[in-house]
């Protein structure tokens, strides 16, 4: 009925039309890096806020 090329072949043809990736133009780990930095900053700020709260209450 309908004839479609296999998915692997369609992906390969699409990549061939685009050409090779340019060095330094693509950031594959950009979102992961953003999430990591956000979580690290959140943990650090949370620890500092907790420390300040304990110091204010005189428990530290």
N, C-alpha and C. Protein backbone atom coordinates (compact mmCIF):
# COMPACT_ATOMS: atom_id res chain seq x y z
N UNK A 1 0.84 -1.18 0.00
CA UNK A 1 0.00 0.00 0.00
C UNK A 1 0.89 1.25 0.00
N UNK A 2 1.44 1.60 1.13
CA UNK A 2 2.34 2.75 1.20
C UNK A 2 3.76 2.23 1.33
N UNK A 3 4.66 2.83 0.58
CA UNK A 3 6.06 2.40 0.66
C UNK A 3 6.89 3.54 1.24
N UNK A 4 7.46 3.28 2.40
CA UNK A 4 8.35 4.27 3.04
C UNK A 4 9.71 3.64 3.20
N UNK A 5 10.73 4.50 3.12
CA UNK A 5 12.09 4.02 3.35
C UNK A 5 12.26 3.70 4.84
N UNK A 6 13.17 2.81 5.15
CA UNK A 6 13.43 2.53 6.57
C UNK A 6 13.89 3.79 7.31
N UNK A 7 13.61 3.83 8.59
CA UNK A 7 13.93 5.01 9.40
C UNK A 7 15.42 5.34 9.34
N UNK A 8 16.27 4.32 9.43
CA UNK A 8 17.71 4.55 9.39
C UNK A 8 18.14 5.22 8.10
N UNK A 9 17.54 4.81 7.00
CA UNK A 9 17.89 5.39 5.70
C UNK A 9 17.41 6.84 5.61
N UNK A 10 16.23 7.12 6.12
CA UNK A 10 15.73 8.51 6.10
C UNK A 10 16.60 9.43 6.94
N UNK A 11 17.03 8.93 8.12
CA UNK A 11 17.91 9.74 8.98
C UNK A 11 19.25 9.98 8.30
N UNK A 12 19.81 8.94 7.67
CA UNK A 12 21.10 9.07 6.99
C UNK A 12 21.01 10.08 5.85
N UNK A 13 19.93 10.06 5.09
CA UNK A 13 19.77 11.01 3.98
C UNK A 13 19.65 12.44 4.49
N UNK A 14 18.91 12.61 5.59
CA UNK A 14 18.75 13.94 6.17
C UNK A 14 20.08 14.50 6.66
N UNK A 15 20.88 13.64 7.30
CA UNK A 15 22.18 14.08 7.80
C UNK A 15 23.14 14.38 6.65
N UNK A 16 23.03 13.63 5.55
CA UNK A 16 23.90 13.87 4.40
C UNK A 16 23.59 15.23 3.77
N UNK A 17 22.33 15.64 3.78
CA UNK A 17 21.96 16.94 3.22
C UNK A 17 22.50 18.09 4.08
N UNK A 18 22.55 17.90 5.39
CA UNK A 18 23.01 18.95 6.29
C UNK A 18 24.51 19.13 6.25
N UNK A 19 25.24 18.07 5.97
CA UNK A 19 26.69 18.14 5.97
C UNK A 19 27.25 17.87 7.35
N UNK A 20 28.57 17.91 7.46
CA UNK A 20 29.18 17.60 8.77
C UNK A 20 28.94 18.72 9.79
N UNK A 21 28.98 18.34 11.07
CA UNK A 21 28.81 19.33 12.14
C UNK A 21 30.04 20.22 12.22
N UNK A 22 29.82 21.48 12.54
CA UNK A 22 30.93 22.42 12.68
C UNK A 22 31.48 22.35 14.09
N UNK A 23 32.79 22.40 14.21
CA UNK A 23 33.45 22.32 15.52
C UNK A 23 33.07 23.53 16.36
N UNK A 24 32.59 23.29 17.58
CA UNK A 24 32.25 24.36 18.50
C UNK A 24 30.91 25.02 18.26
N UNK A 25 30.16 24.57 17.28
CA UNK A 25 28.87 25.19 16.98
C UNK A 25 27.71 24.49 17.66
N UNK A 26 27.93 23.28 18.15
CA UNK A 26 26.87 22.50 18.78
C UNK A 26 27.23 22.21 20.22
N UNK A 27 26.28 22.36 21.10
CA UNK A 27 26.48 22.11 22.52
C UNK A 27 25.57 20.97 22.93
N UNK A 28 26.07 19.74 22.80
CA UNK A 28 25.24 18.58 23.06
C UNK A 28 24.86 18.47 24.53
N UNK A 29 25.74 18.95 25.42
CA UNK A 29 25.50 18.79 26.85
C UNK A 29 25.06 20.09 27.51
N UNK A 30 24.61 21.04 26.72
CA UNK A 30 24.18 22.33 27.26
C UNK A 30 23.07 22.23 28.29
N UNK A 31 21.97 21.53 28.00
CA UNK A 31 20.90 21.43 29.00
C UNK A 31 21.34 20.71 30.27
N UNK A 32 22.14 19.66 30.12
CA UNK A 32 22.62 18.93 31.30
C UNK A 32 23.53 19.81 32.14
N UNK A 33 24.35 20.62 31.48
CA UNK A 33 25.25 21.53 32.21
C UNK A 33 24.43 22.57 32.96
N UNK A 34 23.39 23.10 32.34
CA UNK A 34 22.54 24.09 33.00
C UNK A 34 21.86 23.50 34.23
N UNK A 35 21.33 22.29 34.09
CA UNK A 35 20.65 21.65 35.22
C UNK A 35 21.64 21.38 36.34
N UNK A 36 22.84 20.90 36.01
CA UNK A 36 23.86 20.62 37.02
C UNK A 36 24.23 21.88 37.79
N UNK A 37 24.48 22.98 37.08
CA UNK A 37 24.85 24.23 37.74
C UNK A 37 23.70 24.74 38.60
N UNK A 38 22.47 24.64 38.11
CA UNK A 38 21.31 25.09 38.89
C UNK A 38 21.17 24.28 40.17
N UNK A 39 21.30 22.96 40.08
CA UNK A 39 21.18 22.12 41.27
C UNK A 39 22.30 22.41 42.27
N UNK A 40 23.52 22.56 41.77
CA UNK A 40 24.65 22.86 42.66
C UNK A 40 24.44 24.21 43.36
N UNK A 41 23.99 25.21 42.64
CA UNK A 41 23.73 26.52 43.24
C UNK A 41 22.61 26.42 44.27
N UNK A 42 21.56 25.65 43.97
CA UNK A 42 20.44 25.47 44.89
C UNK A 42 20.92 24.80 46.19
N UNK A 43 21.76 23.79 46.08
CA UNK A 43 22.28 23.08 47.26
C UNK A 43 23.14 24.01 48.10
N UNK A 44 24.01 24.78 47.44
CA UNK A 44 24.89 25.69 48.18
C UNK A 44 24.09 26.76 48.90
N UNK A 45 23.15 27.37 48.20
CA UNK A 45 22.31 28.41 48.83
C UNK A 45 21.48 27.81 49.96
N UNK A 46 20.97 26.60 49.77
CA UNK A 46 20.20 25.94 50.82
C UNK A 46 21.03 25.66 52.06
N UNK A 47 22.27 25.23 51.86
CA UNK A 47 23.15 24.98 53.00
C UNK A 47 23.48 26.28 53.73
N UNK A 48 23.75 27.32 52.98
CA UNK A 48 24.07 28.61 53.62
C UNK A 48 22.85 29.15 54.37
N UNK A 49 21.66 29.02 53.79
CA UNK A 49 20.45 29.49 54.47
C UNK A 49 20.21 28.68 55.74
N UNK A 50 20.40 27.37 55.67
CA UNK A 50 20.24 26.54 56.86
C UNK A 50 21.25 26.89 57.94
N UNK A 51 22.49 27.13 57.54
CA UNK A 51 23.53 27.51 58.50
C UNK A 51 23.19 28.84 59.16
N UNK A 52 22.74 29.81 58.37
CA UNK A 52 22.38 31.11 58.93
C UNK A 52 21.18 30.99 59.89
N UNK A 53 20.22 30.13 59.54
CA UNK A 53 19.07 29.92 60.42
C UNK A 53 19.50 29.29 61.73
N UNK A 54 20.35 28.28 61.68
CA UNK A 54 20.83 27.65 62.90
C UNK A 54 21.64 28.63 63.75
N UNK A 55 22.44 29.45 63.09
CA UNK A 55 23.23 30.44 63.84
C UNK A 55 22.31 31.46 64.50
N UNK A 56 21.25 31.87 63.80
CA UNK A 56 20.32 32.84 64.34
C UNK A 56 19.55 32.26 65.55
N UNK A 57 19.28 30.97 65.53
CA UNK A 57 18.58 30.32 66.62
C UNK A 57 19.52 29.90 67.75
N UNK A 58 20.82 30.05 67.50
CA UNK A 58 21.82 29.70 68.51
C UNK A 58 22.01 28.21 68.67
N UNK A 59 21.72 27.42 67.64
CA UNK A 59 21.87 25.97 67.72
C UNK A 59 23.18 25.48 67.12
N UNK A 60 23.93 26.33 66.52
CA UNK A 60 25.17 25.91 65.88
C UNK A 60 26.37 26.41 66.65
